[in-house]
Amino acid sequence: MRLQADDLWAAIDQLASEHGWTVSGLARRAGLDPTAFNRSKRQIRDRDRWPASSSIAKVLEATGESFRDFAMRVAAVRQAPPPLDPAQSGKQARRNNGGPQAPSSQS
């Protein structure tokens, strides 16, 4: 599976969240334009936009995260199961809480 722009964006989002910052706050602390990491700028004309390596370097400096740790973070994001669709998770909750049950195979 190839590295995707969304993997890097998710790692940046996670890093900001762990510091209690928004992505705009993280960008400011890294000396970047506050809109640099806005979700609206992650795609241009239906094509993924990758964060610049210089922006990632500034984020790492601002947060104290090593490149190695950031790479491990990206790898962990890539291996995590995709988030459940809220509509699907509601259906799953109903099945687990009194909804129709599958017959038991035990006699």
Protein backbone atom coordinates (compact mmCIF):
# COMPACT_ATOMS: atom_id res chain seq x y z
CA MET A 1 0.00 0.00 0.00
CA ARG A 2 1.44 3.32 -1.07
CA LEU A 3 1.84 6.34 1.15
CA GLN A 4 -0.99 8.79 0.58
CA ALA A 5 -1.33 12.51 1.27
CA ASP A 6 -4.18 11.73 3.70
CA ASP A 7 -1.74 9.72 5.83
CA LEU A 8 0.46 12.77 6.36
CA TRP A 9 -2.50 15.06 6.95
CA ALA A 10 -3.91 12.65 9.54
CA ALA A 11 -0.55 12.56 11.33
CA ILE A 12 -0.41 16.37 11.34
CA ASP A 13 -3.98 16.52 12.70
CA GLN A 14 -3.07 14.02 15.40
CA LEU A 15 0.07 15.91 16.38
CA ALA A 16 -1.87 19.18 16.70
CA SER A 17 -4.58 17.48 18.77
CA GLU A 18 -2.06 15.87 21.13
CA HIS A 19 -0.67 19.33 21.89
CA GLY A 20 -4.16 20.73 22.44
CA TRP A 21 -3.94 22.90 19.33
CA THR A 22 -6.01 23.27 16.22
CA VAL A 23 -4.20 22.75 12.93
CA SER A 24 -4.27 26.55 12.55
CA GLY A 25 -2.60 26.89 15.94
CA LEU A 26 0.01 24.34 14.95
CA ALA A 27 0.71 26.21 11.71
CA ARG A 28 1.12 29.50 13.62
CA ARG A 29 3.50 27.92 16.13
CA ALA A 30 5.51 26.52 13.23
CA GLY A 31 5.80 30.00 11.70
CA LEU A 32 3.44 29.19 8.84
CA ASP A 33 0.32 30.90 7.58
CA PRO A 34 -2.53 29.88 9.92
CA THR A 35 -4.47 28.50 6.97
CA ALA A 36 -1.61 26.31 5.72
CA PHE A 37 -3.15 23.10 7.07
CA ASN A 38 -6.84 23.91 6.57
CA ARG A 39 -8.90 21.00 5.28
CA SER A 40 -10.06 23.17 2.39
CA LYS A 41 -6.47 23.37 1.16
CA ARG A 42 -5.83 19.63 1.20
CA GLN A 43 -7.21 19.17 -2.27
CA ILE A 44 -6.86 21.39 -5.31
CA ARG A 45 -9.13 20.78 -8.27
CA ASP A 46 -10.02 17.30 -6.99
CA ARG A 47 -6.36 16.33 -6.61
CA ASP A 48 -4.65 15.61 -3.32
CA ARG A 49 -2.25 18.27 -2.12
CA TRP A 50 0.69 16.98 -0.11
CA PRO A 51 2.09 18.96 2.80
CA ALA A 52 5.45 20.48 1.87
CA SER A 53 8.51 18.85 3.41
CA SER A 54 9.59 22.29 4.66
CA SER A 55 6.24 22.65 6.46
CA ILE A 56 6.63 19.23 8.04
CA ALA A 57 10.15 20.18 9.19
CA LYS A 58 8.80 23.36 10.81
CA VAL A 59 6.02 21.40 12.52
CA LEU A 60 8.55 18.94 13.92
CA GLU A 61 10.67 21.78 15.22
CA ALA A 62 7.67 23.52 16.81
CA THR A 63 6.47 20.35 18.53
CA GLY A 64 9.81 18.76 19.36
CA GLU A 65 8.81 15.58 17.52
CA SER A 66 11.65 13.77 15.78
CA PHE A 67 11.38 12.81 12.13
CA ARG A 68 11.59 9.17 13.19
CA ASP A 69 8.68 9.57 15.58
CA PHE A 70 6.67 11.40 12.93
CA ALA A 71 7.36 8.60 10.44
CA MET A 72 6.20 6.06 13.05
CA ARG A 73 3.08 8.18 13.59
CA VAL A 74 2.35 8.16 9.85
CA ALA A 75 2.86 4.40 9.75
CA ALA A 76 0.47 3.93 12.69
CA VAL A 77 -2.15 6.11 10.99
CA ARG A 78 -1.84 3.97 7.85
CA GLN A 79 -2.31 0.75 9.81
CA ALA A 80 -5.30 1.95 11.84
CA PRO A 81 -8.67 0.69 10.69
CA PRO A 82 -10.71 3.34 8.89
CA PRO A 83 -13.17 5.20 11.10
CA LEU A 84 -16.70 3.84 11.10
CA ASP A 85 -19.31 5.66 9.10
CA PRO A 86 -21.60 7.23 11.77
CA ALA A 87 -24.63 5.69 10.07
CA GLN A 88 -23.00 2.25 10.17
CA SER A 89 -21.89 2.59 13.79
CA GLY A 90 -25.49 3.37 14.81
CA LYS A 91 -26.70 0.22 13.08
CA GLN A 92 -23.96 -1.79 14.79
CA ALA A 93 -24.93 -0.36 18.19
CA ARG A 94 -28.58 -1.34 17.65
CA ARG A 95 -27.51 -4.88 16.73
CA ASN A 96 -25.42 -5.14 19.88
CA ASN A 97 -28.08 -3.61 22.14
CA GLY A 98 -31.27 -5.55 21.66
CA GLY A 99 -31.50 -5.66 17.89
CA PRO A 100 -31.97 -8.90 15.99
CA GLN A 101 -29.49 -11.47 17.19
CA ALA A 102 -27.86 -14.16 15.10
CA PRO A 103 -28.83 -17.69 16.17
CA SER A 104 -26.33 -19.27 18.48
CA SER A 105 -24.37 -22.22 17.12
CA GLN A 106 -24.19 -23.76 20.60
CA SER A 107 -26.89 -26.26 21.58
